C-alpha atoms as a PDB file:
ATOM      1  CA  MET A   1     154.911  77.644  91.371  1.00  0.00           C
ATOM      2  CA  ARG A   2     154.893  74.505  89.349  1.00  0.00           C
ATOM      3  CA  TYR A   3     151.570  73.608  87.604  1.00  0.00           C
ATOM      4  CA  TYR A   4     150.342  70.326  86.866  1.00  0.00           C
ATOM      5  CA  GLN A   5     147.921  70.382  83.928  1.00  0.00           C
ATOM      6  CA  LYS A   6     147.850  66.937  82.892  1.00  0.00           C
ATOM      7  CA  SER A   7     145.054  64.734  84.256  1.00  0.00           C
ATOM      8  CA  LEU A   8     145.290  62.226  87.154  1.00  0.00           C
ATOM      9  CA  LYS A   9     143.352  58.866  86.213  1.00  0.00           C
ATOM     10  CA  ALA A  10     142.727  56.758  89.456  1.00  0.00           C
ATOM     11  CA  THR A  11     141.204  53.317  89.036  1.00  0.00           C
ATOM     12  CA  VAL A  12     139.787  51.319  92.107  1.00  0.00           C
ATOM     13  CA  LEU A  13     141.222  47.892  92.066  1.00  0.00           C
ATOM     14  CA  ILE A  14     139.660  46.579  95.258  1.00  0.00           C
ATOM     15  CA  ASP A  15     136.927  47.836  97.664  1.00  0.00           C
ATOM     16  CA  SER A  16     134.639  46.051  99.934  1.00  0.00           C
ATOM     17  CA  VAL A  17     131.536  46.130  97.668  1.00  0.00           C
ATOM     18  CA  ALA A  18     131.016  43.993  94.616  1.00  0.00           C
ATOM     19  CA  ALA A  19     131.000  45.393  91.160  1.00  0.00           C
ATOM     20  CA  GLY A  20     130.270  43.562  87.834  1.00  0.00           C
ATOM     21  CA  ASN A  21     132.628  40.692  87.298  1.00  0.00           C
ATOM     22  CA  LEU A  22     135.403  42.077  89.320  1.00  0.00           C
ATOM     23  CA  LYS A  23     136.375  40.604  92.659  1.00  0.00           C
ATOM     24  CA  ASN A  24     135.931  42.488  96.039  1.00  0.00           C
ATOM     25  CA  GLU A  25     137.099  42.031  99.665  1.00  0.00           C
ATOM     26  CA  TRP A  26     137.506  43.946 102.692  1.00  0.00           C
ATOM     27  CA  GLY A  27     140.339  46.149 101.594  1.00  0.00           C
ATOM     28  CA  LEU A  28     141.203  48.957  99.323  1.00  0.00           C
ATOM     29  CA  SER A  29     143.686  49.408  96.493  1.00  0.00           C
ATOM     30  CA  PHE A  30     144.178  52.264  93.970  1.00  0.00           C
ATOM     31  CA  PHE A  31     145.922  52.172  90.464  1.00  0.00           C
ATOM     32  CA  LEU A  32     147.064  55.867  89.694  1.00  0.00           C
ATOM     33  CA  GLU A  33     148.327  57.090  86.438  1.00  0.00           C
ATOM     34  CA  TYR A  34     149.650  60.597  86.717  1.00  0.00           C
ATOM     35  CA  ASN A  35     151.732  62.432  84.231  1.00  0.00           C
ATOM     36  CA  ASP A  36     154.442  59.845  83.002  1.00  0.00           C
ATOM     37  CA  LYS A  37     154.282  57.906  86.410  1.00  0.00           C
ATOM     38  CA  THR A  38     152.195  55.014  87.503  1.00  0.00           C
ATOM     39  CA  LEU A  39     151.504  54.352  91.379  1.00  0.00           C
ATOM     40  CA  LEU A  40     149.898  51.635  93.416  1.00  0.00           C
ATOM     41  CA  LEU A  41     148.412  52.729  96.634  1.00  0.00           C
ATOM     42  CA  ASP A  42     147.749  49.558  98.787  1.00  0.00           C
ATOM     43  CA  THR A  43     147.142  45.997  97.851  1.00  0.00           C
ATOM     44  CA  GLY A  44     144.102  44.697  99.605  1.00  0.00           C
ATOM     45  CA  CYS A  45     144.396  41.548 101.543  1.00  0.00           C
ATOM     46  CA  SER A  46     145.146  39.040  98.714  1.00  0.00           C
ATOM     47  CA  GLN A  47     146.034  38.734  95.133  1.00  0.00           C
ATOM     48  CA  LYS A  48     142.538  39.954  94.087  1.00  0.00           C
ATOM     49  CA  PHE A  49     143.810  43.426  93.367  1.00  0.00           C
ATOM     50  CA  LEU A  50     146.098  41.904  90.664  1.00  0.00           C
ATOM     51  CA  GLN A  51     143.321  39.746  89.223  1.00  0.00           C
ATOM     52  CA  ASN A  52     141.164  42.839  88.802  1.00  0.00           C
ATOM     53  CA  ALA A  53     144.174  44.754  87.142  1.00  0.00           C
ATOM     54  CA  GLN A  54     144.432  41.984  84.670  1.00  0.00           C
ATOM     55  CA  ILE A  55     140.658  42.092  83.818  1.00  0.00           C
ATOM     56  CA  LEU A  56     141.050  45.973  83.494  1.00  0.00           C
ATOM     57  CA  ALA A  57     143.953  45.760  81.426  1.00  0.00           C
ATOM     58  CA  LEU A  58     146.312  47.493  83.906  1.00  0.00           C
ATOM     59  CA  ASP A  59     149.783  46.515  83.730  1.00  0.00           C
ATOM     60  CA  MET A  60     151.318  45.891  87.091  1.00  0.00           C
ATOM     61  CA  GLU A  61     154.825  45.899  85.527  1.00  0.00           C
ATOM     62  CA  LYS A  62     154.502  49.460  84.663  1.00  0.00           C
ATOM     63  CA  VAL A  63     154.034  50.670  88.346  1.00  0.00           C
ATOM     64  CA  ASP A  64     156.886  53.009  89.213  1.00  0.00           C
ATOM     65  CA  ALA A  65     156.244  53.149  92.924  1.00  0.00           C
ATOM     66  CA  GLY A  66     153.981  51.626  95.460  1.00  0.00           C
ATOM     67  CA  ILE A  67     152.590  53.227  98.790  1.00  0.00           C
ATOM     68  CA  LEU A  68     151.451  51.586 101.848  1.00  0.00           C
ATOM     69  CA  SER A  69     148.820  53.758 103.678  1.00  0.00           C
ATOM     70  CA  HIS A  70     149.151  51.902 106.973  1.00  0.00           C
ATOM     71  CA  ALA A  71     150.185  48.606 108.696  1.00  0.00           C
ATOM     72  CA  HIS A  72     146.802  46.706 108.519  1.00  0.00           C
ATOM     73  CA  TYR A  73     146.360  43.410 106.594  1.00  0.00           C
ATOM     74  CA  ASP A  74     143.595  44.545 104.506  1.00  0.00           C
ATOM     75  CA  HIS A  75     145.971  47.112 102.774  1.00  0.00           C
ATOM     76  CA  ALA A  76     149.238  45.176 102.949  1.00  0.00           C
ATOM     77  CA  ASP A  77     148.643  41.412 102.528  1.00  0.00           C
ATOM     78  CA  GLY A  78     148.707  41.575  98.751  1.00  0.00           C
ATOM     79  CA  LEU A  79     152.252  43.025  98.940  1.00  0.00           C
ATOM     80  CA  LYS A  80     153.928  39.625  98.115  1.00  0.00           C
ATOM     81  CA  TYR A  81     151.921  39.334  94.916  1.00  0.00           C
ATOM     82  CA  PHE A  82     152.826  42.835  93.795  1.00  0.00           C
ATOM     83  CA  PHE A  83     156.549  42.026  94.303  1.00  0.00           C
ATOM     84  CA  ALA A  84     156.026  38.863  92.292  1.00  0.00           C
ATOM     85  CA  ALA A  85     154.332  40.932  89.329  1.00  0.00           C
ATOM     86  CA  ASN A  86     156.808  43.857  89.363  1.00  0.00           C
ATOM     87  CA  LYS A  87     160.396  43.305  89.935  1.00  0.00           C
ATOM     88  CA  ASN A  88     161.782  46.925  90.238  1.00  0.00           C
ATOM     89  CA  ALA A  89     159.332  49.378  92.054  1.00  0.00           C
ATOM     90  CA  PRO A  90     160.080  50.456  95.476  1.00  0.00           C
ATOM     91  CA  PHE A  91     157.159  50.633  98.047  1.00  0.00           C
ATOM     92  CA  TYR A  92     157.010  53.567 100.498  1.00  0.00           C
ATOM     93  CA  LEU A  93     155.702  53.112 103.980  1.00  0.00           C
ATOM     94  CA  SER A  94     155.856  54.857 107.211  1.00  0.00           C
ATOM     95  CA  GLN A  95     158.875  54.447 109.509  1.00  0.00           C
ATOM     96  CA  ASN A  96     156.543  53.382 112.148  1.00  0.00           C
ATOM     97  CA  CYS A  97     155.158  50.299 110.283  1.00  0.00           C
ATOM     98  CA  GLY A  98     155.845  47.157 111.991  1.00  0.00           C
ATOM     99  CA  GLU A  99     154.327  43.693 112.237  1.00  0.00           C
ATOM    100  CA  ASN A 100     152.658  44.508 115.557  1.00  0.00           C
ATOM    101  CA  CYS A 101     148.993  45.555 114.970  1.00  0.00           C
ATOM    102  CA  TYR A 102     146.188  43.710 116.970  1.00  0.00           C
ATOM    103  CA  SER A 103     142.455  44.046 117.580  1.00  0.00           C
ATOM    104  CA  SER A 104     141.121  43.326 121.071  1.00  0.00           C
ATOM    105  CA  ARG A 105     137.382  43.405 120.672  1.00  0.00           C
ATOM    106  CA  ARG A 106     134.977  41.474 123.036  1.00  0.00           C
ATOM    107  CA  PHE A 107     137.946  40.033 125.008  1.00  0.00           C
ATOM    108  CA  ARG A 108     139.477  38.376 121.916  1.00  0.00           C
ATOM    109  CA  GLN A 109     142.957  39.095 120.580  1.00  0.00           C
ATOM    110  CA  ARG A 110     143.273  39.051 116.865  1.00  0.00           C
ATOM    111  CA  TYR A 111     146.382  39.985 114.788  1.00  0.00           C
ATOM    112  CA  ILE A 112     145.324  42.458 111.952  1.00  0.00           C
ATOM    113  CA  GLY A 113     148.829  43.690 110.932  1.00  0.00           C
ATOM    114  CA  ILE A 114     151.007  43.096 108.060  1.00  0.00           C
ATOM    115  CA  LYS A 115     151.643  39.477 107.374  1.00  0.00           C
ATOM    116  CA  LYS A 116     154.527  38.263 109.595  1.00  0.00           C
ATOM    117  CA  GLY A 117     157.833  38.091 107.918  1.00  0.00           C
ATOM    118  CA  THR A 118     156.796  40.506 105.237  1.00  0.00           C
ATOM    119  CA  LEU A 119     159.095  43.294 106.221  1.00  0.00           C
ATOM    120  CA  GLN A 120     162.103  41.187 106.275  1.00  0.00           C
ATOM    121  CA  GLN A 121     161.497  39.311 103.241  1.00  0.00           C
ATOM    122  CA  PHE A 122     161.034  42.355 101.165  1.00  0.00           C
ATOM    123  CA  ALA A 123     163.509  44.666 102.804  1.00  0.00           C
ATOM    124  CA  GLY A 124     165.304  45.420  99.696  1.00  0.00           C
ATOM    125  CA  ARG A 125     162.020  46.932  98.015  1.00  0.00           C
ATOM    126  CA  LEU A 126     160.920  48.890 100.940  1.00  0.00           C
ATOM    127  CA  ARG A 127     161.576  52.657 101.452  1.00  0.00           C
ATOM    128  CA  PHE A 128     160.687  54.089 104.952  1.00  0.00           C
ATOM    129  CA  VAL A 129     159.142  57.700 105.127  1.00  0.00           C
ATOM    130  CA  THR A 130     160.149  59.864 108.135  1.00  0.00           C
ATOM    131  CA  ALA A 131     158.704  63.165 107.056  1.00  0.00           C
ATOM    132  CA  PRO A 132     156.623  64.564 104.103  1.00  0.00           C
ATOM    133  CA  LYS A 133     158.271  63.297 100.955  1.00  0.00           C
ATOM    134  CA  GLU A 134     157.723  64.212  97.360  1.00  0.00           C
ATOM    135  CA  ILE A 135     158.582  61.024  95.589  1.00  0.00           C
ATOM    136  CA  PHE A 136     157.825  62.325  92.027  1.00  0.00           C
ATOM    137  CA  PRO A 137     157.197  65.822  90.886  1.00  0.00           C
ATOM    138  CA  GLY A 138     153.563  66.719  92.121  1.00  0.00           C
ATOM    139  CA  VAL A 139     153.277  63.308  94.366  1.00  0.00           C
ATOM    140  CA  THR A 140     153.949  63.625  97.976  1.00  0.00           C
ATOM    141  CA  ILE A 141     153.525  61.426 100.993  1.00  0.00           C
ATOM    142  CA  ILE A 142     152.176  63.001 104.203  1.00  0.00           C
ATOM    143  CA  PRO A 143     152.926  61.041 107.240  1.00  0.00           C
ATOM    144  CA  HIS A 144     150.225  61.085 109.945  1.00  0.00           C
ATOM    145  CA  VAL A 145     152.708  61.128 112.762  1.00  0.00           C
ATOM    146  CA  PRO A 146     151.105  63.140 115.757  1.00  0.00           C
ATOM    147  CA  GLN A 147     152.914  66.725 115.465  1.00  0.00           C
ATOM    148  CA  THR A 148     151.291  68.473 118.456  1.00  0.00           C
ATOM    149  CA  GLU A 149     150.332  67.867 121.947  1.00  0.00           C
ATOM    150  CA  ASN A 150     146.593  68.072 120.881  1.00  0.00           C
ATOM    151  CA  GLU A 151     146.983  65.544 118.225  1.00  0.00           C
ATOM    152  CA  LYS A 152     148.833  62.968 120.317  1.00  0.00           C
ATOM    153  CA  THR A 153     146.657  60.045 121.309  1.00  0.00           C
ATOM    154  CA  GLU A 154     147.046  58.778 124.944  1.00  0.00           C
ATOM    155  CA  LYS A 155     148.736  55.399 125.202  1.00  0.00           C
ATOM    156  CA  TYR A 156     147.925  52.723 127.698  1.00  0.00           C
ATOM    157  CA  PHE A 157     150.955  50.482 128.739  1.00  0.00           C
ATOM    158  CA  VAL A 158     150.638  47.168 130.298  1.00  0.00           C
ATOM    159  CA  LYS A 159     153.817  45.467 131.559  1.00  0.00           C
ATOM    160  CA  SER A 160     152.312  41.938 131.120  1.00  0.00           C
ATOM    161  CA  PRO A 161     152.095  40.732 127.545  1.00  0.00           C
ATOM    162  CA  GLY A 162     149.283  38.690 128.502  1.00  0.00           C
ATOM    163  CA  LYS A 163     147.054  41.674 129.221  1.00  0.00           C
ATOM    164  CA  MET A 164     145.346  44.290 126.841  1.00  0.00           C
ATOM    165  CA  PRO A 165     144.879  47.955 127.293  1.00  0.00           C
ATOM    166  CA  LYS A 166     141.382  48.817 128.491  1.00  0.00           C
ATOM    167  CA  GLY A 167     139.039  51.122 126.610  1.00  0.00           C
ATOM    168  CA  THR A 168     140.525  50.782 122.982  1.00  0.00           C
ATOM    169  CA  PRO A 169     139.826  48.093 120.398  1.00  0.00           C
ATOM    170  CA  LEU A 170     143.118  48.687 118.271  1.00  0.00           C
ATOM    171  CA  ILE A 171     146.396  48.261 119.863  1.00  0.00           C
ATOM    172  CA  LEU A 172     150.121  47.701 119.076  1.00  0.00           C
ATOM    173  CA  GLN A 173     152.431  45.120 120.740  1.00  0.00           C
ATOM    174  CA  GLY A 174     155.819  46.267 122.082  1.00  0.00           C
ATOM    175  CA  LYS A 175     158.367  44.501 123.998  1.00  0.00           C
ATOM    176  CA  ASN A 176     156.768  43.284 126.988  1.00  0.00           C
ATOM    177  CA  CYS A 177     153.822  45.541 126.722  1.00  0.00           C
ATOM    178  CA  TRP A 178     150.840  46.764 124.766  1.00  0.00           C
ATOM    179  CA  ALA A 179     149.919  50.327 123.645  1.00  0.00           C
ATOM    180  CA  LYS A 180     147.052  51.931 122.259  1.00  0.00           C
ATOM    181  CA  ASP A 181     147.463  52.586 118.660  1.00  0.00           C
ATOM    182  CA  ASP A 182     148.048  56.184 117.754  1.00  0.00           C
ATOM    183  CA  PHE A 183     148.333  55.460 113.969  1.00  0.00           C
ATOM    184  CA  SER A 184     151.522  57.009 113.609  1.00  0.00           C
ATOM    185  CA  HIS A 185     152.155  54.209 110.883  1.00  0.00           C
ATOM    186  CA  GLU A 186     149.543  55.821 108.740  1.00  0.00           C
ATOM    187  CA  GLN A 187     150.224  58.127 105.877  1.00  0.00           C
ATOM    188  CA  SER A 188     148.173  59.899 102.981  1.00  0.00           C
ATOM    189  CA  LEU A 189     149.254  60.320  99.314  1.00  0.00           C
ATOM    190  CA  VAL A 190     148.663  63.868  97.895  1.00  0.00           C
ATOM    191  CA  ILE A 191     148.755  64.519  94.154  1.00  0.00           C
ATOM    192  CA  LYS A 192     148.684  68.083  92.438  1.00  0.00           C
ATOM    193  CA  THR A 193     146.389  68.441  89.545  1.00  0.00           C
ATOM    194  CA  GLY A 194     145.472  71.573  87.502  1.00  0.00           C
ATOM    195  CA  GLN A 195     142.133  71.530  89.591  1.00  0.00           C
ATOM    196  CA  GLY A 196     143.832  71.496  93.093  1.00  0.00           C
ATOM    197  CA  LEU A 197     145.258  68.771  95.496  1.00  0.00           C
ATOM    198  CA  VAL A 198     143.616  65.305  95.518  1.00  0.00           C
ATOM    199  CA  ILE A 199     144.036  63.444  98.883  1.00  0.00           C
ATOM    200  CA  PHE A 200     144.252  59.644  98.873  1.00  0.00           C
ATOM    201  CA  SER A 201     143.756  58.373 102.601  1.00  0.00           C
ATOM    202  CA  SER A 202     142.757  54.794 102.440  1.00  0.00           C
ATOM    203  CA  CYS A 203     141.229  54.410 106.069  1.00  0.00           C
ATOM    204  CA  SER A 204     141.818  57.870 107.827  1.00  0.00           C
ATOM    205  CA  HIS A 205     142.233  56.296 111.260  1.00  0.00           C
ATOM    206  CA  ALA A 206     143.870  59.665 112.194  1.00  0.00           C
ATOM    207  CA  GLY A 207     140.564  61.454 111.454  1.00  0.00           C
ATOM    208  CA  ILE A 208     139.723  63.350 108.265  1.00  0.00           C
ATOM    209  CA  LEU A 209     139.889  66.726 109.902  1.00  0.00           C
ATOM    210  CA  GLN A 210     143.379  66.259 111.158  1.00  0.00           C
ATOM    211  CA  ILE A 211     144.486  64.730 107.979  1.00  0.00           C
ATOM    212  CA  VAL A 212     143.152  67.713 105.931  1.00  0.00           C
ATOM    213  CA  ASN A 213     144.808  70.129 108.358  1.00  0.00           C
ATOM    214  CA  ARG A 214     148.090  68.675 108.096  1.00  0.00           C
ATOM    215  CA  VAL A 215     147.813  68.707 104.148  1.00  0.00           C
ATOM    216  CA  GLN A 216     146.850  72.255 104.349  1.00  0.00           C
ATOM    217  CA  ALA A 217     149.611  73.227 106.694  1.00  0.00           C
ATOM    218  CA  HIS A 218     152.175  71.359 104.495  1.00  0.00           C
ATOM    219  CA  PHE A 219     150.942  72.941 101.035  1.00  0.00           C
ATOM    220  CA  GLY A 220     150.379  76.234 102.545  1.00  0.00           C
ATOM    221  CA  GLY A 221     146.619  76.429 102.108  1.00  0.00           C
ATOM    222  CA  GLU A 222     146.416  75.235  98.367  1.00  0.00           C
ATOM    223  CA  HIS A 223     142.966  74.314  97.235  1.00  0.00           C
ATOM    224  CA  ILE A 224     141.896  70.657  97.919  1.00  0.00           C
ATOM    225  CA  PHE A 225     139.885  69.441  94.835  1.00  0.00           C
ATOM    226  CA  ALA A 226     139.072  65.943  96.050  1.00  0.00           C
ATOM    227  CA  PHE A 227     139.476  63.479  98.910  1.00  0.00           C
ATOM    228  CA  ALA A 228     139.495  59.831  98.125  1.00  0.00           C
ATOM    229  CA  GLY A 229     139.532  56.756 100.658  1.00  0.00           C
ATOM    230  CA  GLY A 230     137.832  55.213 103.587  1.00  0.00           C
ATOM    231  CA  LEU A 231     136.822  57.085 106.806  1.00  0.00           C
ATOM    232  CA  HIS A 232     136.589  54.256 109.138  1.00  0.00           C
ATOM    233  CA  LEU A 233     133.079  55.210 110.512  1.00  0.00           C
ATOM    234  CA  PHE A 234     131.400  51.763 110.181  1.00  0.00           C
ATOM    235  CA  ARG A 235     131.494  51.022 113.886  1.00  0.00           C
ATOM    236  CA  LYS A 236     130.208  54.679 114.839  1.00  0.00           C
ATOM    237  CA  ASN A 237     126.909  55.169 116.191  1.00  0.00           C
ATOM    238  CA  ALA A 238     124.090  57.443 114.623  1.00  0.00           C
ATOM    239  CA  ALA A 239     125.050  60.339 116.591  1.00  0.00           C
ATOM    240  CA  GLN A 240     128.783  60.240 116.063  1.00  0.00           C
ATOM    241  CA  ILE A 241     128.092  59.824 112.372  1.00  0.00           C
ATOM    242  CA  GLU A 242     125.867  62.735 112.127  1.00  0.00           C
ATOM    243  CA  LYS A 243     128.299  65.030 113.947  1.00  0.00           C
ATOM    244  CA  ILE A 244     131.283  63.889 111.673  1.00  0.00           C
ATOM    245  CA  ALA A 245     129.170  64.170 108.533  1.00  0.00           C
ATOM    246  CA  LYS A 246     128.462  67.827 109.307  1.00  0.00           C
ATOM    247  CA  GLN A 247     132.158  68.562 110.037  1.00  0.00           C
ATOM    248  CA  ILE A 248     133.150  66.879 106.577  1.00  0.00           C
ATOM    249  CA  ALA A 249     130.506  68.858 104.786  1.00  0.00           C
ATOM    250  CA  ALA A 250     132.134  72.082 106.098  1.00  0.00           C
ATOM    251  CA  LEU A 251     135.600  71.073 104.789  1.00  0.00           C
ATOM    252  CA  PRO A 252     136.575  73.334 101.693  1.00  0.00           C
ATOM    253  CA  ILE A 253     136.885  70.397  99.396  1.00  0.00           C
ATOM    254  CA  ASP A 254     134.809  69.979  96.134  1.00  0.00           C
ATOM    255  CA  TYR A 255     134.315  66.283  96.011  1.00  0.00           C
ATOM    256  CA  PHE A 256     134.641  63.149  98.214  1.00  0.00           C
ATOM    257  CA  TYR A 257     135.081  59.600  97.004  1.00  0.00           C
ATOM    258  CA  THR A 258     134.563  56.987  99.886  1.00  0.00           C
ATOM    259  CA  GLY A 259     133.849  53.301 100.567  1.00  0.00           C
ATOM    260  CA  HIS A 260     135.666  50.415 102.248  1.00  0.00           C
ATOM    261  CA  CYS A 261     135.598  51.130 105.964  1.00  0.00           C
ATOM    262  CA  THR A 262     133.233  54.176 105.813  1.00  0.00           C
ATOM    263  CA  GLY A 263     130.048  51.796 106.077  1.00  0.00           C
ATOM    264  CA  ASP A 264     126.546  52.163 104.536  1.00  0.00           C
ATOM    265  CA  ALA A 265     125.094  54.007 107.430  1.00  0.00           C
ATOM    266  CA  ALA A 266     127.757  56.536 107.316  1.00  0.00           C
ATOM    267  CA  PHE A 267     127.632  56.872 103.668  1.00  0.00           C
ATOM    268  CA  ASN A 268     123.934  57.523 103.593  1.00  0.00           C
ATOM    269  CA  GLN A 269     124.188  60.096 106.312  1.00  0.00           C
ATOM    270  CA  LEU A 270     127.168  61.767 104.400  1.00  0.00           C
ATOM    271  CA  LYS A 271     124.901  61.799 101.203  1.00  0.00           C
ATOM    272  CA  LYS A 272     122.423  63.686 103.073  1.00  0.00           C
ATOM    273  CA  GLU A 273     124.929  66.547 104.041  1.00  0.00           C
ATOM    274  CA  LEU A 274     127.247  66.408 100.901  1.00  0.00           C
ATOM    275  CA  GLY A 275     124.695  65.680  98.117  1.00  0.00           C
ATOM    276  CA  PRO A 276     126.242  65.599  94.734  1.00  0.00           C
ATOM    277  CA  ARG A 277     129.718  66.250  96.326  1.00  0.00           C
ATOM    278  CA  LEU A 278     129.891  62.650  97.418  1.00  0.00           C
ATOM    279  CA  PHE A 279     130.579  59.633  95.419  1.00  0.00           C
ATOM    280  CA  LYS A 280     130.857  55.737  96.369  1.00  0.00           C
ATOM    281  CA  LEU A 281     134.124  53.822  95.684  1.00  0.00           C
ATOM    282  CA  TYR A 282     133.640  50.331  93.885  1.00  0.00           C
ATOM    283  CA  PRO A 283     136.161  48.077  92.063  1.00  0.00           C
ATOM    284  CA  GLY A 284     136.529  49.319  88.554  1.00  0.00           C
ATOM    285  CA  GLU A 285     135.561  53.012  89.272  1.00  0.00           C
ATOM    286  CA  ILE A 286     137.646  55.439  87.249  1.00  0.00           C
ATOM    287  CA  MET A 287     138.166  58.926  88.665  1.00  0.00           C
ATOM    288  CA  LEU A 288     139.487  61.727  86.425  1.00  0.00           C
ATOM    289  CA  PHE A 289     141.014  64.787  87.879  1.00  0.00           C
END
């Protein structure tokens, strides 16, 4: 067994809440320093992550690799600014990432995917992940591709491109059809530390329980020390939030750091269940593991 005794330093570059003189926006970005490697997880939806990095004296040129959590604009639209600031680092994304994510809430279609043309423009810098992949010693990407029948999400196909699937707000555009988004384009980043595994899952669209189960299965039940990222609970009702909060509290994880799409109501309920195990993300926050 390999042991990783050096600490992981994680700095929040962008989150949805304001903090001091740092910029905020609807998005998320982490700057991760681990052993002799520097990583960037997500870029938010503008160049604000880069501006905050400059304020915090974090050098984007030193980033060895980037990771995209999933194919939504609020995590991917800062990519072009990263590629302008860093000329060499590859960016890892799921093989299922495309420029095809839409929202269909309240009878209104809205594109919420990676900015059109990005994947072609920066093809030389992109690395597509097809299965769990250790990109550096102790640094592993875990795709959220449904692996069992119970994890697969039902898809609704409509032949006419002018119509939307019913009963789902997030959809994917295919050739002459629409499909319910099963978030097979989502992936988590898992880093080994001396205290245990640390999971970074920016939006957890697949559901935190499924994500944790997949990480445990891949790592043979190794202890998970911390979970950091959004939980996408901001649109859930009180009953749904209470149920999920109790499930999260029962997970064998020491600490949780959450923000962005979790929402204030969900955070408050989680605080009731988790107490001192829960912390809120904000731009400029530093987490040491």
